[in-house]
């Protein structure tokens, strides 16, 4: 397990995840947060059509990030994304389209850059110590939702603290839907995804801002038409290109009942 210290931040910190090779969304985020520190929870590459361009922009902006399951699986040349989907689920079926595209499209330099990302990031903000991971401490592909049982959160925090010491908060991603819970005095912040809408019928995506110990969740508008056009040109028409426009996932079966339409 690779752990990296991201540093000490006094001002607002932008938290985001799930860029998913959506260069258009990352461009819009970059324009919106210009000059602020930013940390990503991983899956910089994924469903959409421009992995190399997205990583180039990400690196040029100097954002911090941990590795998601997509980064680790890509670096290993795995034949699946390692997202933790059940066999036969919609997500599992759709990944047979976008994952091979990512494998053959990502350049060696991009794969190496992604491979070098840490598994856990640490940073200080306003006197509080935060850890950044992708899904959970027990697994990068652990789906953790607002409705997840408190004992599951406590277990993840315990495993995390065994590895990196005591923390005041956790910043995570993977599930793609932003939320915050306070568990035994610790913040658990899911920063959401900027590359895919949060299954709410709106095309805008989400990111978070941590300031003075408080978290706000912001919506991000971007050039959806350009992102969809790039996916169609690449042959990525299994359903996620429609999700960008409608705001609803084609893979609702991965969601808890409370989040389904």
C-alpha atoms as a PDB file:
ATOM      1  CA  UNK A   1       0.000   0.000   0.000  1.00  0.00           C
ATOM      2  CA  UNK A   2       1.423   3.350  -1.070  1.00  0.00           C
ATOM      3  CA  UNK A   3       0.654   6.336   1.163  1.00  0.00           C
ATOM      4  CA  UNK A   4       1.452   9.923   0.182  1.00  0.00           C
ATOM      5  CA  UNK A   5       1.324  13.155   2.156  1.00  0.00           C
ATOM      6  CA  UNK A   6      -0.540  15.763   0.104  1.00  0.00           C
ATOM      7  CA  UNK A   7       0.391  18.578   2.472  1.00  0.00           C
ATOM      8  CA  UNK A   8      -1.241  21.239   4.626  1.00  0.00           C
ATOM      9  CA  UNK A   9      -4.043  23.400   3.207  1.00  0.00           C
ATOM     10  CA  UNK A  10      -5.378  26.484   4.968  1.00  0.00           C
ATOM     11  CA  UNK A  11      -7.803  27.682   2.309  1.00  0.00           C
ATOM     12  CA  UNK A  12     -10.752  25.952   0.654  1.00  0.00           C
ATOM     13  CA  UNK A  13      -9.964  22.522  -0.799  1.00  0.00           C
ATOM     14  CA  UNK A  14     -11.915  21.191  -3.774  1.00  0.00           C
ATOM     15  CA  UNK A  15     -12.684  17.473  -3.505  1.00  0.00           C
ATOM     16  CA  UNK A  16     -13.783  15.510  -6.532  1.00  0.00           C
ATOM     17  CA  UNK A  17     -13.644  12.078  -8.120  1.00  0.00           C
ATOM     18  CA  UNK A  18     -14.867   9.955 -10.984  1.00  0.00           C
ATOM     19  CA  UNK A  19     -13.592  11.996 -13.914  1.00  0.00           C
ATOM     20  CA  UNK A  20     -14.025   8.842 -16.039  1.00  0.00           C
ATOM     21  CA  UNK A  21     -12.078  10.133 -19.079  1.00  0.00           C
ATOM     22  CA  UNK A  22     -14.593  12.981 -19.431  1.00  0.00           C
ATOM     23  CA  UNK A  23     -12.228  15.694 -20.602  1.00  0.00           C
ATOM     24  CA  UNK A  24     -15.039  18.205 -21.086  1.00  0.00           C
ATOM     25  CA  UNK A  25     -16.135  17.898 -17.461  1.00  0.00           C
ATOM     26  CA  UNK A  26     -12.566  18.261 -16.183  1.00  0.00           C
ATOM     27  CA  UNK A  27     -12.069  21.352 -18.356  1.00  0.00           C
ATOM     28  CA  UNK A  28     -15.183  22.922 -16.830  1.00  0.00           C
ATOM     29  CA  UNK A  29     -14.070  22.039 -13.303  1.00  0.00           C
ATOM     30  CA  UNK A  30     -10.630  23.515 -13.962  1.00  0.00           C
ATOM     31  CA  UNK A  31     -12.186  26.764 -15.169  1.00  0.00           C
ATOM     32  CA  UNK A  32     -14.519  26.918 -12.173  1.00  0.00           C
ATOM     33  CA  UNK A  33     -11.995  26.244  -9.407  1.00  0.00           C
ATOM     34  CA  UNK A  34      -8.985  28.058 -10.886  1.00  0.00           C
ATOM     35  CA  UNK A  35      -6.372  28.783  -8.225  1.00  0.00           C
ATOM     36  CA  UNK A  36      -7.781  26.531  -5.511  1.00  0.00           C
ATOM     37  CA  UNK A  37      -6.183  23.367  -4.176  1.00  0.00           C
ATOM     38  CA  UNK A  38      -7.900  20.212  -5.424  1.00  0.00           C
ATOM     39  CA  UNK A  39      -7.806  16.538  -4.495  1.00  0.00           C
ATOM     40  CA  UNK A  40      -9.304  13.633  -6.457  1.00  0.00           C
ATOM     41  CA  UNK A  41     -10.518  10.300  -5.115  1.00  0.00           C
ATOM     42  CA  UNK A  42      -9.508   8.367  -8.233  1.00  0.00           C
ATOM     43  CA  UNK A  43     -11.022   6.858 -11.373  1.00  0.00           C
ATOM     44  CA  UNK A  44      -9.595   9.674 -13.448  1.00  0.00           C
ATOM     45  CA  UNK A  45     -10.133   7.349 -16.404  1.00  0.00           C
ATOM     46  CA  UNK A  46     -13.223   5.296 -17.151  1.00  0.00           C
ATOM     47  CA  UNK A  47     -16.415   5.279 -19.159  1.00  0.00           C
ATOM     48  CA  UNK A  48     -15.836   8.199 -21.525  1.00  0.00           C
ATOM     49  CA  UNK A  49     -13.762   8.682 -24.650  1.00  0.00           C
ATOM     50  CA  UNK A  50     -10.698  10.791 -23.850  1.00  0.00           C
ATOM     51  CA  UNK A  51      -8.444   9.128 -21.254  1.00  0.00           C
ATOM     52  CA  UNK A  52      -5.135  10.484 -22.539  1.00  0.00           C
ATOM     53  CA  UNK A  53      -6.371  14.044 -22.924  1.00  0.00           C
ATOM     54  CA  UNK A  54      -7.993  13.902 -19.481  1.00  0.00           C
ATOM     55  CA  UNK A  55      -4.831  12.672 -17.756  1.00  0.00           C
ATOM     56  CA  UNK A  56      -2.740  15.286 -19.584  1.00  0.00           C
ATOM     57  CA  UNK A  57      -5.006  18.077 -18.336  1.00  0.00           C
ATOM     58  CA  UNK A  58      -5.120  16.615 -14.834  1.00  0.00           C
ATOM     59  CA  UNK A  59      -1.336  16.450 -14.650  1.00  0.00           C
ATOM     60  CA  UNK A  60      -0.894  19.932 -16.077  1.00  0.00           C
ATOM     61  CA  UNK A  61      -3.138  21.371 -13.360  1.00  0.00           C
ATOM     62  CA  UNK A  62      -1.151  19.588 -10.644  1.00  0.00           C
ATOM     63  CA  UNK A  63      -4.145  18.138  -8.840  1.00  0.00           C
ATOM     64  CA  UNK A  64      -3.537  15.545  -6.150  1.00  0.00           C
ATOM     65  CA  UNK A  65      -5.139  12.109  -6.518  1.00  0.00           C
ATOM     66  CA  UNK A  66      -5.219   8.591  -5.188  1.00  0.00           C
ATOM     67  CA  UNK A  67      -5.590   5.596  -7.474  1.00  0.00           C
ATOM     68  CA  UNK A  68      -9.024   4.195  -8.122  1.00  0.00           C
ATOM     69  CA  UNK A  69      -9.781   0.663  -9.188  1.00  0.00           C
ATOM     70  CA  UNK A  70      -9.635   1.754 -12.845  1.00  0.00           C
ATOM     71  CA  UNK A  71      -6.082   3.055 -12.417  1.00  0.00           C
ATOM     72  CA  UNK A  72      -4.877  -0.089 -10.678  1.00  0.00           C
ATOM     73  CA  UNK A  73      -6.587  -2.498 -13.088  1.00  0.00           C
ATOM     74  CA  UNK A  74      -5.329  -0.565 -16.101  1.00  0.00           C
ATOM     75  CA  UNK A  75      -1.752  -0.606 -14.821  1.00  0.00           C
ATOM     76  CA  UNK A  76      -1.986  -4.368 -14.352  1.00  0.00           C
ATOM     77  CA  UNK A  77      -3.461  -4.906 -17.817  1.00  0.00           C
ATOM     78  CA  UNK A  78      -6.426  -6.658 -16.241  1.00  0.00           C
ATOM     79  CA  UNK A  79      -9.271  -7.912 -18.422  1.00  0.00           C
ATOM     80  CA  UNK A  80     -11.880  -6.153 -16.257  1.00  0.00           C
ATOM     81  CA  UNK A  81     -12.275  -2.833 -14.489  1.00  0.00           C
ATOM     82  CA  UNK A  82     -12.407  -4.249 -10.972  1.00  0.00           C
ATOM     83  CA  UNK A  83     -15.332  -1.991 -10.104  1.00  0.00           C
ATOM     84  CA  UNK A  84     -16.915  -4.553  -7.794  1.00  0.00           C
ATOM     85  CA  UNK A  85     -20.035  -5.118  -9.888  1.00  0.00           C
ATOM     86  CA  UNK A  86     -21.866  -8.404  -9.510  1.00  0.00           C
ATOM     87  CA  UNK A  87     -21.531 -10.792 -12.458  1.00  0.00           C
ATOM     88  CA  UNK A  88     -24.457 -10.331 -14.820  1.00  0.00           C
ATOM     89  CA  UNK A  89     -25.294  -6.847 -13.529  1.00  0.00           C
ATOM     90  CA  UNK A  90     -25.841  -4.026 -16.004  1.00  0.00           C
ATOM     91  CA  UNK A  91     -22.538  -2.437 -14.970  1.00  0.00           C
ATOM     92  CA  UNK A  92     -20.703  -5.696 -15.584  1.00  0.00           C
ATOM     93  CA  UNK A  93     -22.249  -6.088 -19.034  1.00  0.00           C
ATOM     94  CA  UNK A  94     -21.613  -2.468 -20.062  1.00  0.00           C
ATOM     95  CA  UNK A  95     -17.994  -2.638 -18.933  1.00  0.00           C
ATOM     96  CA  UNK A  96     -17.343  -5.102 -21.765  1.00  0.00           C
ATOM     97  CA  UNK A  97     -17.640  -2.115 -24.087  1.00  0.00           C
ATOM     98  CA  UNK A  98     -15.762   0.715 -22.378  1.00  0.00           C
ATOM     99  CA  UNK A  99     -13.050  -1.252 -20.571  1.00  0.00           C
ATOM    100  CA  UNK A 100     -11.433  -2.788 -23.704  1.00  0.00           C
ATOM    101  CA  UNK A 101     -11.504   0.679 -25.284  1.00  0.00           C
ATOM    102  CA  UNK A 102      -9.585   2.085 -22.314  1.00  0.00           C
ATOM    103  CA  UNK A 103      -7.069  -0.776 -22.403  1.00  0.00           C
ATOM    104  CA  UNK A 104      -6.208  -0.215 -26.052  1.00  0.00           C
ATOM    105  CA  UNK A 105      -6.398   3.593 -26.007  1.00  0.00           C
ATOM    106  CA  UNK A 106      -4.395   4.629 -22.925  1.00  0.00           C
ATOM    107  CA  UNK A 107      -0.792   5.335 -23.882  1.00  0.00           C
ATOM    108  CA  UNK A 108       2.128   3.736 -21.997  1.00  0.00           C
ATOM    109  CA  UNK A 109       3.045   7.111 -20.472  1.00  0.00           C
ATOM    110  CA  UNK A 110      -0.503   7.558 -19.165  1.00  0.00           C
ATOM    111  CA  UNK A 111      -0.593   4.032 -17.746  1.00  0.00           C
ATOM    112  CA  UNK A 112       2.722   4.631 -15.961  1.00  0.00           C
ATOM    113  CA  UNK A 113       1.556   7.974 -14.559  1.00  0.00           C
ATOM    114  CA  UNK A 114      -1.629   6.384 -13.230  1.00  0.00           C
ATOM    115  CA  UNK A 115       0.318   3.438 -11.830  1.00  0.00           C
ATOM    116  CA  UNK A 116       2.391   5.803  -9.693  1.00  0.00           C
ATOM    117  CA  UNK A 117      -0.621   7.272  -7.888  1.00  0.00           C
ATOM    118  CA  UNK A 118      -0.834   6.408  -4.170  1.00  0.00           C
ATOM    119  CA  UNK A 119      -3.497   4.198  -2.599  1.00  0.00           C
ATOM    120  CA  UNK A 120      -4.072   6.616   0.283  1.00  0.00           C
ATOM    121  CA  UNK A 121      -3.442  10.340   0.522  1.00  0.00           C
ATOM    122  CA  UNK A 122      -3.138  12.334   3.743  1.00  0.00           C
ATOM    123  CA  UNK A 123      -3.583  16.059   4.262  1.00  0.00           C
ATOM    124  CA  UNK A 124      -4.129  18.599   7.021  1.00  0.00           C
ATOM    125  CA  UNK A 125      -6.848  21.215   6.837  1.00  0.00           C
ATOM    126  CA  UNK A 126      -7.680  23.716   9.550  1.00  0.00           C
ATOM    127  CA  UNK A 127      -6.001  21.558  12.193  1.00  0.00           C
ATOM    128  CA  UNK A 128      -7.794  18.379  11.161  1.00  0.00           C
ATOM    129  CA  UNK A 129      -6.168  15.319   9.596  1.00  0.00           C
ATOM    130  CA  UNK A 130      -7.884  13.749   6.587  1.00  0.00           C
ATOM    131  CA  UNK A 131      -7.258  10.540   4.656  1.00  0.00           C
ATOM    132  CA  UNK A 132      -8.205  10.192   0.986  1.00  0.00           C
ATOM    133  CA  UNK A 133      -9.050   6.811  -0.512  1.00  0.00           C
ATOM    134  CA  UNK A 134     -11.096   5.511  -3.401  1.00  0.00           C
ATOM    135  CA  UNK A 135     -13.881   3.250  -2.143  1.00  0.00           C
ATOM    136  CA  UNK A 136     -13.067   1.850   1.259  1.00  0.00           C
ATOM    137  CA  UNK A 137     -10.057   0.894   3.322  1.00  0.00           C
ATOM    138  CA  UNK A 138     -10.862  -2.795   2.913  1.00  0.00           C
ATOM    139  CA  UNK A 139     -11.260  -2.566  -0.872  1.00  0.00           C
ATOM    140  CA  UNK A 140     -10.909   0.108  -3.531  1.00  0.00           C
ATOM    141  CA  UNK A 141     -14.153  -1.130  -5.064  1.00  0.00           C
ATOM    142  CA  UNK A 142     -16.191  -1.082  -1.854  1.00  0.00           C
ATOM    143  CA  UNK A 143     -19.488   0.682  -2.464  1.00  0.00           C
ATOM    144  CA  UNK A 144     -20.319   2.884   0.521  1.00  0.00           C
ATOM    145  CA  UNK A 145     -23.517   4.919   0.445  1.00  0.00           C
ATOM    146  CA  UNK A 146     -25.216   7.406   2.718  1.00  0.00           C
ATOM    147  CA  UNK A 147     -27.481   4.544   3.807  1.00  0.00           C
ATOM    148  CA  UNK A 148     -24.625   2.131   4.595  1.00  0.00           C
ATOM    149  CA  UNK A 149     -24.799   0.760   8.141  1.00  0.00           C
ATOM    150  CA  UNK A 150     -22.806   2.727  10.720  1.00  0.00           C
ATOM    151  CA  UNK A 151     -20.921  -0.410  11.769  1.00  0.00           C
ATOM    152  CA  UNK A 152     -19.593  -0.747   8.224  1.00  0.00           C
ATOM    153  CA  UNK A 153     -18.292   2.819   8.332  1.00  0.00           C
ATOM    154  CA  UNK A 154     -16.661   2.163  11.706  1.00  0.00           C
ATOM    155  CA  UNK A 155     -14.976  -0.972  10.362  1.00  0.00           C
ATOM    156  CA  UNK A 156     -13.587   0.899   7.371  1.00  0.00           C
ATOM    157  CA  UNK A 157     -12.284   3.698   9.602  1.00  0.00           C
ATOM    158  CA  UNK A 158     -10.698   1.199  11.987  1.00  0.00           C
ATOM    159  CA  UNK A 159      -8.880  -0.583   9.154  1.00  0.00           C
ATOM    160  CA  UNK A 160      -7.764   2.759   7.722  1.00  0.00           C
ATOM    161  CA  UNK A 161      -6.430   4.017  11.055  1.00  0.00           C
ATOM    162  CA  UNK A 162      -4.499   0.806  11.574  1.00  0.00           C
ATOM    163  CA  UNK A 163      -2.611   1.714   8.399  1.00  0.00           C
ATOM    164  CA  UNK A 164      -2.133   5.480   8.727  1.00  0.00           C
ATOM    165  CA  UNK A 165      -2.956   6.470  12.304  1.00  0.00           C
ATOM    166  CA  UNK A 166      -5.821   8.521  13.690  1.00  0.00           C
ATOM    167  CA  UNK A 167      -7.804  10.722  11.312  1.00  0.00           C
ATOM    168  CA  UNK A 168     -10.495  13.323  11.780  1.00  0.00           C
ATOM    169  CA  UNK A 169     -12.081  12.715   8.389  1.00  0.00           C
ATOM    170  CA  UNK A 170     -12.152  10.480   5.344  1.00  0.00           C
ATOM    171  CA  UNK A 171     -12.585  11.628   1.745  1.00  0.00           C
ATOM    172  CA  UNK A 172     -13.786   8.851  -0.556  1.00  0.00           C
ATOM    173  CA  UNK A 173     -15.435   8.203  -3.896  1.00  0.00           C
ATOM    174  CA  UNK A 174     -16.239   5.177  -6.089  1.00  0.00           C
ATOM    175  CA  UNK A 175     -20.007   5.112  -5.566  1.00  0.00           C
ATOM    176  CA  UNK A 176     -20.413   8.279  -7.660  1.00  0.00           C
ATOM    177  CA  UNK A 177     -23.018   9.977  -5.470  1.00  0.00           C
ATOM    178  CA  UNK A 178     -21.916  12.726  -3.079  1.00  0.00           C
ATOM    179  CA  UNK A 179     -22.800  12.710   0.605  1.00  0.00           C
ATOM    180  CA  UNK A 180     -21.441  13.386   4.070  1.00  0.00           C
ATOM    181  CA  UNK A 181     -21.932  11.505   7.326  1.00  0.00           C
ATOM    182  CA  UNK A 182     -20.397  11.968  10.746  1.00  0.00           C
ATOM    183  CA  UNK A 183     -19.328   8.654  12.247  1.00  0.00           C
ATOM    184  CA  UNK A 184     -18.077   8.631  15.839  1.00  0.00           C
ATOM    185  CA  UNK A 185     -16.928  12.233  15.476  1.00  0.00           C
ATOM    186  CA  UNK A 186     -15.231  11.701  12.116  1.00  0.00           C
ATOM    187  CA  UNK A 187     -16.380  13.130   8.809  1.00  0.00           C
ATOM    188  CA  UNK A 188     -16.910  10.681   5.960  1.00  0.00           C
ATOM    189  CA  UNK A 189     -17.114  12.743   2.784  1.00  0.00           C
ATOM    190  CA  UNK A 190     -17.957  11.223  -0.573  1.00  0.00           C
ATOM    191  CA  UNK A 191     -16.950  13.860  -3.106  1.00  0.00           C
ATOM    192  CA  UNK A 192     -19.148  12.426  -5.868  1.00  0.00           C
ATOM    193  CA  UNK A 193     -18.127  12.275  -9.532  1.00  0.00           C
ATOM    194  CA  UNK A 194     -17.484  15.070 -12.015  1.00  0.00           C
ATOM    195  CA  UNK A 195     -17.538  12.802 -15.069  1.00  0.00           C
ATOM    196  CA  UNK A 196     -20.995  11.277 -14.634  1.00  0.00           C
ATOM    197  CA  UNK A 197     -24.232  12.756 -13.224  1.00  0.00           C
ATOM    198  CA  UNK A 198     -25.481  11.456  -9.850  1.00  0.00           C
ATOM    199  CA  UNK A 199     -28.574   9.643 -11.169  1.00  0.00           C
ATOM    200  CA  UNK A 200     -30.909  12.530 -10.403  1.00  0.00           C
ATOM    201  CA  UNK A 201     -32.280  13.348 -13.845  1.00  0.00           C
ATOM    202  CA  UNK A 202     -29.958  16.325 -14.356  1.00  0.00           C
ATOM    203  CA  UNK A 203     -26.909  16.439 -16.587  1.00  0.00           C
ATOM    204  CA  UNK A 204     -24.863  18.462 -14.112  1.00  0.00           C
ATOM    205  CA  UNK A 205     -22.288  16.555 -12.097  1.00  0.00           C
ATOM    206  CA  UNK A 206     -21.022  17.159  -8.534  1.00  0.00           C
ATOM    207  CA  UNK A 207     -17.959  18.070  -6.543  1.00  0.00           C
ATOM    208  CA  UNK A 208     -17.325  19.145  -2.946  1.00  0.00           C
ATOM    209  CA  UNK A 209     -15.578  22.038  -1.230  1.00  0.00           C
ATOM    210  CA  UNK A 210     -14.023  21.655   2.223  1.00  0.00           C
ATOM    211  CA  UNK A 211     -13.685  24.975   4.043  1.00  0.00           C
ATOM    212  CA  UNK A 212     -13.261  25.646   7.769  1.00  0.00           C
ATOM    213  CA  UNK A 213     -14.193  22.048   8.504  1.00  0.00           C
ATOM    214  CA  UNK A 214     -17.513  22.290   6.647  1.00  0.00           C
ATOM    215  CA  UNK A 215     -18.415  20.633   3.345  1.00  0.00           C
ATOM    216  CA  UNK A 216     -20.614  22.015   0.606  1.00  0.00           C
ATOM    217  CA  UNK A 217     -21.594  20.141  -2.544  1.00  0.00           C
ATOM    218  CA  UNK A 218     -21.596  22.047  -5.811  1.00  0.00           C
ATOM    219  CA  UNK A 219     -23.067  21.294  -9.214  1.00  0.00           C
ATOM    220  CA  UNK A 220     -20.915  21.381 -12.334  1.00  0.00           C
ATOM    221  CA  UNK A 221     -22.222  22.243 -15.797  1.00  0.00           C
ATOM    222  CA  UNK A 222     -20.058  21.419 -18.797  1.00  0.00           C
ATOM    223  CA  UNK A 223     -20.210  20.786 -22.555  1.00  0.00           C
ATOM    224  CA  UNK A 224     -22.206  17.560 -22.439  1.00  0.00           C
ATOM    225  CA  UNK A 225     -22.786  17.553 -26.199  1.00  0.00           C
ATOM    226  CA  UNK A 226     -19.049  17.509 -26.894  1.00  0.00           C
ATOM    227  CA  UNK A 227     -18.475  14.682 -24.430  1.00  0.00           C
ATOM    228  CA  UNK A 228     -21.279  12.639 -25.989  1.00  0.00           C
ATOM    229  CA  UNK A 229     -19.992  13.312 -29.509  1.00  0.00           C
ATOM    230  CA  UNK A 230     -16.545  12.067 -28.514  1.00  0.00           C
ATOM    231  CA  UNK A 231     -18.062   8.879 -27.090  1.00  0.00           C
ATOM    232  CA  UNK A 232     -20.147   8.268 -30.196  1.00  0.00           C
ATOM    233  CA  UNK A 233     -17.122   8.816 -32.437  1.00  0.00           C
ATOM    234  CA  UNK A 234     -15.221   6.243 -30.382  1.00  0.00           C
ATOM    235  CA  UNK A 235     -18.062   3.718 -30.560  1.00  0.00           C
ATOM    236  CA  UNK A 236     -18.819   4.012 -26.834  1.00  0.00           C
ATOM    237  CA  UNK A 237     -22.578   3.742 -27.209  1.00  0.00           C
ATOM    238  CA  UNK A 238     -23.483   1.125 -24.607  1.00  0.00           C
ATOM    239  CA  UNK A 239     -25.565   3.564 -22.544  1.00  0.00           C
ATOM    240  CA  UNK A 240     -23.291   5.861 -20.587  1.00  0.00           C
ATOM    241  CA  UNK A 241     -23.374   8.447 -23.373  1.00  0.00           C
ATOM    242  CA  UNK A 242     -27.137   8.643 -22.832  1.00  0.00           C
ATOM    243  CA  UNK A 243     -26.603   8.992 -19.072  1.00  0.00           C
ATOM    244  CA  UNK A 244     -24.537  12.126 -19.651  1.00  0.00           C
ATOM    245  CA  UNK A 245     -27.552  13.751 -21.318  1.00  0.00           C
ATOM    246  CA  UNK A 246     -30.415  12.390 -19.212  1.00  0.00           C
ATOM    247  CA  UNK A 247     -28.705  12.436 -15.813  1.00  0.00           C
ATOM    248  CA  UNK A 248     -29.818   8.861 -15.125  1.00  0.00           C
ATOM    249  CA  UNK A 249     -27.546   5.829 -14.976  1.00  0.00           C
ATOM    250  CA  UNK A 250     -28.168   2.805 -17.202  1.00  0.00           C
ATOM    251  CA  UNK A 251     -26.934   0.699 -14.279  1.00  0.00           C
ATOM    252  CA  UNK A 252     -29.508   1.430 -11.602  1.00  0.00           C
ATOM    253  CA  UNK A 253     -29.219  -2.118 -10.251  1.00  0.00           C
ATOM    254  CA  UNK A 254     -25.951  -1.210  -8.492  1.00  0.00           C
ATOM    255  CA  UNK A 255     -27.780   1.372  -6.334  1.00  0.00           C
ATOM    256  CA  UNK A 256     -29.463   0.883  -2.974  1.00  0.00           C
ATOM    257  CA  UNK A 257     -33.261   0.818  -3.203  1.00  0.00           C
ATOM    258  CA  UNK A 258     -33.542   4.332  -1.773  1.00  0.00           C
ATOM    259  CA  UNK A 259     -31.579   5.783  -4.700  1.00  0.00           C
ATOM    260  CA  UNK A 260     -33.490   4.043  -7.486  1.00  0.00           C
ATOM    261  CA  UNK A 261     -36.169   5.793  -9.472  1.00  0.00           C
END
